Amino acid sequence: MYIGETSKKTGLSIKAIRFYEEKGLIRRPERIGRYRVYQETDIELLILIKEAKELGVTLSQLKGVITYKNGKVDWANIKTFLGKIREQLINQIDDIKRKIDRLDKCYDQINP
């Protein structure tokens, strides 16, 4: 599919798609004449990049994670990375819960 349709399908701007391509986050797509032609794997990676960024993952982190094995995306490597991000988020939740508990104790000790 061409870049315009890819943009609509991923919710990313054409400029962002070209930027991710330039940075090596996705492979340079095949061309038909002057037009880039994106595959379903490219769409999946672009959606992953978009969602990961919304979770606070940096592009440099993603660049080290999005790798290829035998010409195909190494989804196992990406899954391992996402598992680590999940673990970090759970740790943050636990930390926030501890802080709330401490705050509640302070709050309960105050007698106006």
N, C-alpha and C. Protein backbone atom coordinates (compact mmCIF):
# COMPACT_ATOMS: atom_id res chain seq x y z
N MET A 1 0.84 -1.17 0.00
CA MET A 1 0.00 0.00 0.00
C MET A 1 0.89 1.23 0.00
N TYR A 2 0.39 2.31 -0.54
CA TYR A 2 1.17 3.54 -0.63
C TYR A 2 1.18 4.28 0.71
N ILE A 3 2.04 5.28 0.80
CA ILE A 3 2.26 5.95 2.07
C ILE A 3 1.00 6.66 2.60
N GLY A 4 0.18 7.19 1.74
CA GLY A 4 -1.05 7.85 2.19
C GLY A 4 -1.99 6.89 2.90
N GLU A 5 -2.16 5.72 2.32
CA GLU A 5 -3.02 4.70 2.93
C GLU A 5 -2.37 4.17 4.22
N THR A 6 -1.06 4.04 4.21
CA THR A 6 -0.33 3.60 5.40
C THR A 6 -0.53 4.61 6.52
N SER A 7 -0.49 5.87 6.18
CA SER A 7 -0.71 6.93 7.16
C SER A 7 -2.10 6.82 7.79
N LYS A 8 -3.10 6.61 6.96
CA LYS A 8 -4.48 6.48 7.46
C LYS A 8 -4.63 5.25 8.35
N LYS A 9 -4.02 4.16 7.94
CA LYS A 9 -4.16 2.90 8.66
C LYS A 9 -3.45 2.93 10.02
N THR A 10 -2.34 3.68 10.11
CA THR A 10 -1.56 3.71 11.34
C THR A 10 -1.87 4.91 12.23
N GLY A 11 -2.47 5.93 11.63
CA GLY A 11 -2.71 7.16 12.39
C GLY A 11 -1.48 8.03 12.51
N LEU A 12 -0.45 7.70 11.77
CA LEU A 12 0.79 8.48 11.77
C LEU A 12 0.82 9.41 10.55
N SER A 13 1.48 10.52 10.70
CA SER A 13 1.61 11.43 9.55
C SER A 13 2.60 10.84 8.55
N ILE A 14 2.49 11.28 7.33
CA ILE A 14 3.43 10.85 6.29
C ILE A 14 4.84 11.25 6.70
N LYS A 15 4.96 12.43 7.28
CA LYS A 15 6.28 12.91 7.73
C LYS A 15 6.86 11.97 8.79
N ALA A 16 6.03 11.52 9.73
CA ALA A 16 6.50 10.60 10.78
C ALA A 16 6.95 9.27 10.17
N ILE A 17 6.18 8.76 9.24
CA ILE A 17 6.52 7.49 8.59
C ILE A 17 7.87 7.60 7.89
N ARG A 18 8.07 8.67 7.17
CA ARG A 18 9.35 8.88 6.49
C ARG A 18 10.49 9.03 7.50
N PHE A 19 10.21 9.70 8.61
CA PHE A 19 11.22 9.89 9.66
C PHE A 19 11.63 8.53 10.24
N TYR A 20 10.65 7.68 10.56
CA TYR A 20 10.96 6.37 11.12
C TYR A 20 11.74 5.52 10.12
N GLU A 21 11.42 5.68 8.88
CA GLU A 21 12.15 4.98 7.83
C GLU A 21 13.59 5.49 7.78
N GLU A 22 13.75 6.80 7.81
CA GLU A 22 15.08 7.43 7.76
C GLU A 22 15.94 7.00 8.95
N LYS A 23 15.31 6.86 10.12
CA LYS A 23 16.04 6.48 11.34
C LYS A 23 16.31 4.98 11.42
N GLY A 24 15.79 4.22 10.46
CA GLY A 24 16.04 2.78 10.43
C GLY A 24 15.13 1.97 11.32
N LEU A 25 14.03 2.56 11.79
CA LEU A 25 13.08 1.82 12.63
C LEU A 25 12.25 0.85 11.79
N ILE A 26 12.01 1.22 10.55
CA ILE A 26 11.39 0.30 9.61
C ILE A 26 12.29 0.26 8.37
N ARG A 27 12.19 -0.81 7.66
CA ARG A 27 12.99 -0.93 6.44
C ARG A 27 12.49 0.03 5.36
N ARG A 28 13.38 0.37 4.50
CA ARG A 28 12.96 1.16 3.34
C ARG A 28 12.08 0.27 2.48
N PRO A 29 10.86 0.73 2.21
CA PRO A 29 9.95 -0.13 1.44
C PRO A 29 10.35 -0.21 -0.03
N GLU A 30 9.81 -1.23 -0.66
CA GLU A 30 10.00 -1.35 -2.11
C GLU A 30 9.37 -0.14 -2.77
N ARG A 31 9.81 0.12 -3.98
CA ARG A 31 9.23 1.23 -4.73
C ARG A 31 8.66 0.71 -6.04
N ILE A 32 7.55 1.31 -6.38
CA ILE A 32 6.98 1.11 -7.71
C ILE A 32 7.04 2.49 -8.34
N GLY A 33 8.00 2.66 -9.22
CA GLY A 33 8.24 3.99 -9.76
C GLY A 33 8.72 4.90 -8.64
N ARG A 34 8.03 6.00 -8.43
CA ARG A 34 8.40 6.95 -7.39
C ARG A 34 7.73 6.65 -6.06
N TYR A 35 6.85 5.68 -6.03
CA TYR A 35 6.01 5.46 -4.86
C TYR A 35 6.54 4.35 -3.95
N ARG A 36 6.54 4.65 -2.66
CA ARG A 36 6.88 3.64 -1.66
C ARG A 36 5.67 2.70 -1.51
N VAL A 37 5.97 1.42 -1.38
CA VAL A 37 4.91 0.44 -1.19
C VAL A 37 5.18 -0.30 0.12
N TYR A 38 4.30 -0.10 1.08
CA TYR A 38 4.46 -0.68 2.41
C TYR A 38 3.72 -1.99 2.52
N GLN A 39 4.33 -2.91 3.26
CA GLN A 39 3.75 -4.23 3.50
C GLN A 39 3.04 -4.25 4.86
N GLU A 40 2.30 -5.32 5.12
CA GLU A 40 1.57 -5.44 6.38
C GLU A 40 2.52 -5.41 7.58
N THR A 41 3.70 -6.00 7.44
CA THR A 41 4.69 -5.97 8.52
C THR A 41 5.10 -4.54 8.85
N ASP A 42 5.23 -3.71 7.83
CA ASP A 42 5.57 -2.30 8.06
C ASP A 42 4.47 -1.62 8.87
N ILE A 43 3.23 -1.92 8.53
CA ILE A 43 2.08 -1.36 9.25
C ILE A 43 2.14 -1.77 10.72
N GLU A 44 2.37 -3.06 10.95
CA GLU A 44 2.44 -3.58 12.32
C GLU A 44 3.55 -2.89 13.11
N LEU A 45 4.70 -2.71 12.49
CA LEU A 45 5.81 -2.05 13.17
C LEU A 45 5.50 -0.58 13.45
N LEU A 46 4.89 0.09 12.51
CA LEU A 46 4.55 1.49 12.71
C LEU A 46 3.55 1.66 13.84
N ILE A 47 2.58 0.78 13.93
CA ILE A 47 1.61 0.83 15.03
C ILE A 47 2.32 0.54 16.36
N LEU A 48 3.23 -0.42 16.34
CA LEU A 48 4.02 -0.72 17.54
C LEU A 48 4.82 0.50 17.98
N ILE A 49 5.47 1.17 17.05
CA ILE A 49 6.26 2.36 17.36
C ILE A 49 5.36 3.43 17.98
N LYS A 50 4.22 3.66 17.36
CA LYS A 50 3.28 4.67 17.86
C LYS A 50 2.85 4.35 19.29
N GLU A 51 2.45 3.11 19.53
CA GLU A 51 1.99 2.72 20.86
C GLU A 51 3.12 2.76 21.89
N ALA A 52 4.29 2.31 21.50
CA ALA A 52 5.44 2.32 22.41
C ALA A 52 5.81 3.75 22.80
N LYS A 53 5.76 4.66 21.84
CA LYS A 53 6.05 6.06 22.15
C LYS A 53 5.05 6.62 23.15
N GLU A 54 3.79 6.23 23.01
CA GLU A 54 2.75 6.69 23.95
C GLU A 54 3.00 6.15 25.36
N LEU A 55 3.74 5.05 25.46
CA LEU A 55 4.09 4.47 26.76
C LEU A 55 5.40 5.04 27.32
N GLY A 56 6.01 5.95 26.56
CA GLY A 56 7.23 6.58 27.04
C GLY A 56 8.52 5.94 26.54
N VAL A 57 8.41 5.00 25.64
CA VAL A 57 9.59 4.36 25.07
C VAL A 57 10.22 5.31 24.06
N THR A 58 11.54 5.44 24.12
CA THR A 58 12.22 6.35 23.20
C THR A 58 12.51 5.65 21.86
N LEU A 59 12.73 6.46 20.86
CA LEU A 59 13.06 5.91 19.54
C LEU A 59 14.39 5.18 19.58
N SER A 60 15.34 5.67 20.37
CA SER A 60 16.64 4.99 20.44
C SER A 60 16.48 3.61 21.09
N GLN A 61 15.59 3.48 22.07
CA GLN A 61 15.33 2.17 22.65
C GLN A 61 14.73 1.25 21.59
N LEU A 62 13.78 1.76 20.84
CA LEU A 62 13.13 0.94 19.81
C LEU A 62 14.10 0.52 18.72
N LYS A 63 15.01 1.42 18.38
CA LYS A 63 15.96 1.11 17.31
C LYS A 63 16.79 -0.13 17.66
N GLY A 64 17.12 -0.27 18.94
CA GLY A 64 17.88 -1.44 19.36
C GLY A 64 17.04 -2.70 19.46
N VAL A 65 15.73 -2.55 19.48
CA VAL A 65 14.82 -3.67 19.69
C VAL A 65 14.27 -4.21 18.38
N ILE A 66 13.98 -3.33 17.44
CA ILE A 66 13.42 -3.76 16.16
C ILE A 66 14.56 -4.28 15.30
N THR A 67 14.67 -5.60 15.28
CA THR A 67 15.74 -6.24 14.52
C THR A 67 15.14 -7.25 13.56
N TYR A 68 15.97 -7.71 12.65
CA TYR A 68 15.52 -8.66 11.64
C TYR A 68 16.38 -9.93 11.72
N LYS A 69 15.71 -11.05 11.54
CA LYS A 69 16.37 -12.35 11.50
C LYS A 69 15.96 -13.02 10.20
N ASN A 70 16.94 -13.39 9.42
CA ASN A 70 16.66 -14.04 8.13
C ASN A 70 15.68 -13.22 7.28
N GLY A 71 15.83 -11.90 7.34
CA GLY A 71 14.99 -11.02 6.53
C GLY A 71 13.61 -10.73 7.09
N LYS A 72 13.30 -11.27 8.28
CA LYS A 72 11.98 -11.06 8.87
C LYS A 72 12.13 -10.39 10.23
N VAL A 73 11.09 -9.65 10.62
CA VAL A 73 11.11 -8.98 11.92
C VAL A 73 11.25 -10.02 13.02
N ASP A 74 12.15 -9.74 13.97
CA ASP A 74 12.36 -10.62 15.11
C ASP A 74 11.35 -10.25 16.20
N TRP A 75 10.13 -10.78 16.05
CA TRP A 75 9.05 -10.46 16.98
C TRP A 75 9.34 -10.98 18.39
N ALA A 76 10.11 -12.05 18.51
CA ALA A 76 10.45 -12.58 19.83
C ALA A 76 11.27 -11.56 20.61
N ASN A 77 12.18 -10.89 19.94
CA ASN A 77 12.99 -9.84 20.58
C ASN A 77 12.10 -8.68 21.03
N ILE A 78 11.16 -8.31 20.21
CA ILE A 78 10.23 -7.22 20.54
C ILE A 78 9.35 -7.62 21.72
N LYS A 79 8.89 -8.87 21.73
CA LYS A 79 8.05 -9.36 22.82
C LYS A 79 8.82 -9.34 24.15
N THR A 80 10.07 -9.74 24.13
CA THR A 80 10.91 -9.69 25.33
C THR A 80 11.03 -8.27 25.84
N PHE A 81 11.27 -7.34 24.93
CA PHE A 81 11.38 -5.93 25.29
C PHE A 81 10.09 -5.41 25.92
N LEU A 82 8.96 -5.74 25.29
CA LEU A 82 7.68 -5.29 25.82
C LEU A 82 7.41 -5.88 27.21
N GLY A 83 7.85 -7.10 27.43
CA GLY A 83 7.73 -7.71 28.75
C GLY A 83 8.50 -6.92 29.80
N LYS A 84 9.67 -6.43 29.43
CA LYS A 84 10.48 -5.61 30.35
C LYS A 84 9.79 -4.27 30.63
N ILE A 85 9.19 -3.68 29.62
CA ILE A 85 8.47 -2.42 29.80
C ILE A 85 7.28 -2.66 30.73
N ARG A 86 6.59 -3.76 30.54
CA ARG A 86 5.45 -4.11 31.41
C ARG A 86 5.91 -4.24 32.85
N GLU A 87 7.03 -4.91 33.05
CA GLU A 87 7.57 -5.09 34.40
C GLU A 87 7.91 -3.73 35.03
N GLN A 88 8.49 -2.84 34.26
CA GLN A 88 8.80 -1.49 34.76
C GLN A 88 7.53 -0.76 35.18
N LEU A 89 6.49 -0.87 34.37
CA LEU A 89 5.22 -0.20 34.70
C LEU A 89 4.61 -0.77 35.97
N ILE A 90 4.68 -2.08 36.13
CA ILE A 90 4.16 -2.71 37.35
C ILE A 90 4.93 -2.22 38.57
N ASN A 91 6.25 -2.11 38.42
CA ASN A 91 7.07 -1.58 39.53
C ASN A 91 6.69 -0.15 39.86
N GLN A 92 6.39 0.64 38.85
CA GLN A 92 5.96 2.03 39.08
C GLN A 92 4.63 2.05 39.82
N ILE A 93 3.72 1.17 39.44
CA ILE A 93 2.43 1.09 40.13
C ILE A 93 2.64 0.74 41.59
N ASP A 94 3.48 -0.26 41.85
CA ASP A 94 3.76 -0.66 43.24
C ASP A 94 4.36 0.49 44.03
N ASP A 95 5.26 1.23 43.41
CA ASP A 95 5.89 2.38 44.06
C ASP A 95 4.85 3.46 44.39
N ILE A 96 3.96 3.72 43.47
CA ILE A 96 2.90 4.72 43.69
C ILE A 96 1.98 4.26 44.81
N LYS A 97 1.64 2.98 44.84
CA LYS A 97 0.78 2.46 45.92
C LYS A 97 1.45 2.64 47.28
N ARG A 98 2.76 2.38 47.36
CA ARG A 98 3.48 2.59 48.63
C ARG A 98 3.45 4.05 49.04
N LYS A 99 3.62 4.93 48.09
CA LYS A 99 3.58 6.37 48.39
C LYS A 99 2.20 6.80 48.86
N ILE A 100 1.17 6.27 48.25
CA ILE A 100 -0.21 6.59 48.66
C ILE A 100 -0.45 6.09 50.08
N ASP A 101 0.03 4.88 50.39
CA ASP A 101 -0.12 4.35 51.75
C ASP A 101 0.57 5.26 52.77
N ARG A 102 1.77 5.72 52.44
CA ARG A 102 2.49 6.63 53.35
C ARG A 102 1.73 7.93 53.52
N LEU A 103 1.21 8.44 52.41
CA LEU A 103 0.43 9.68 52.46
C LEU A 103 -0.82 9.50 53.30
N ASP A 104 -1.50 8.37 53.15
CA ASP A 104 -2.70 8.09 53.95
C ASP A 104 -2.38 8.06 55.44
N LYS A 105 -1.25 7.47 55.80
CA LYS A 105 -0.85 7.42 57.21
C LYS A 105 -0.61 8.83 57.75
N CYS A 106 0.06 9.65 56.97
CA CYS A 106 0.29 11.04 57.38
C CYS A 106 -1.05 11.77 57.53
N TYR A 107 -1.91 11.56 56.58
CA TYR A 107 -3.22 12.22 56.56
C TYR A 107 -4.04 11.84 57.81
N ASP A 108 -4.02 10.54 58.11
CA ASP A 108 -4.79 10.04 59.27
C ASP A 108 -4.25 10.56 60.60
N GLN A 109 -3.00 10.91 60.65
CA GLN A 109 -2.40 11.41 61.90
C GLN A 109 -2.70 12.88 62.17
N ILE A 110 -3.18 13.56 61.17
CA ILE A 110 -3.48 14.99 61.34
C ILE A 110 -4.87 15.15 61.92
N ASN A 111 -4.95 15.84 63.05
CA ASN A 111 -6.23 16.11 63.70
C ASN A 111 -6.44 17.62 63.72
N PRO A 112 -7.29 18.10 62.86
CA PRO A 112 -7.49 19.57 62.83
C PRO A 112 -8.27 20.09 64.01
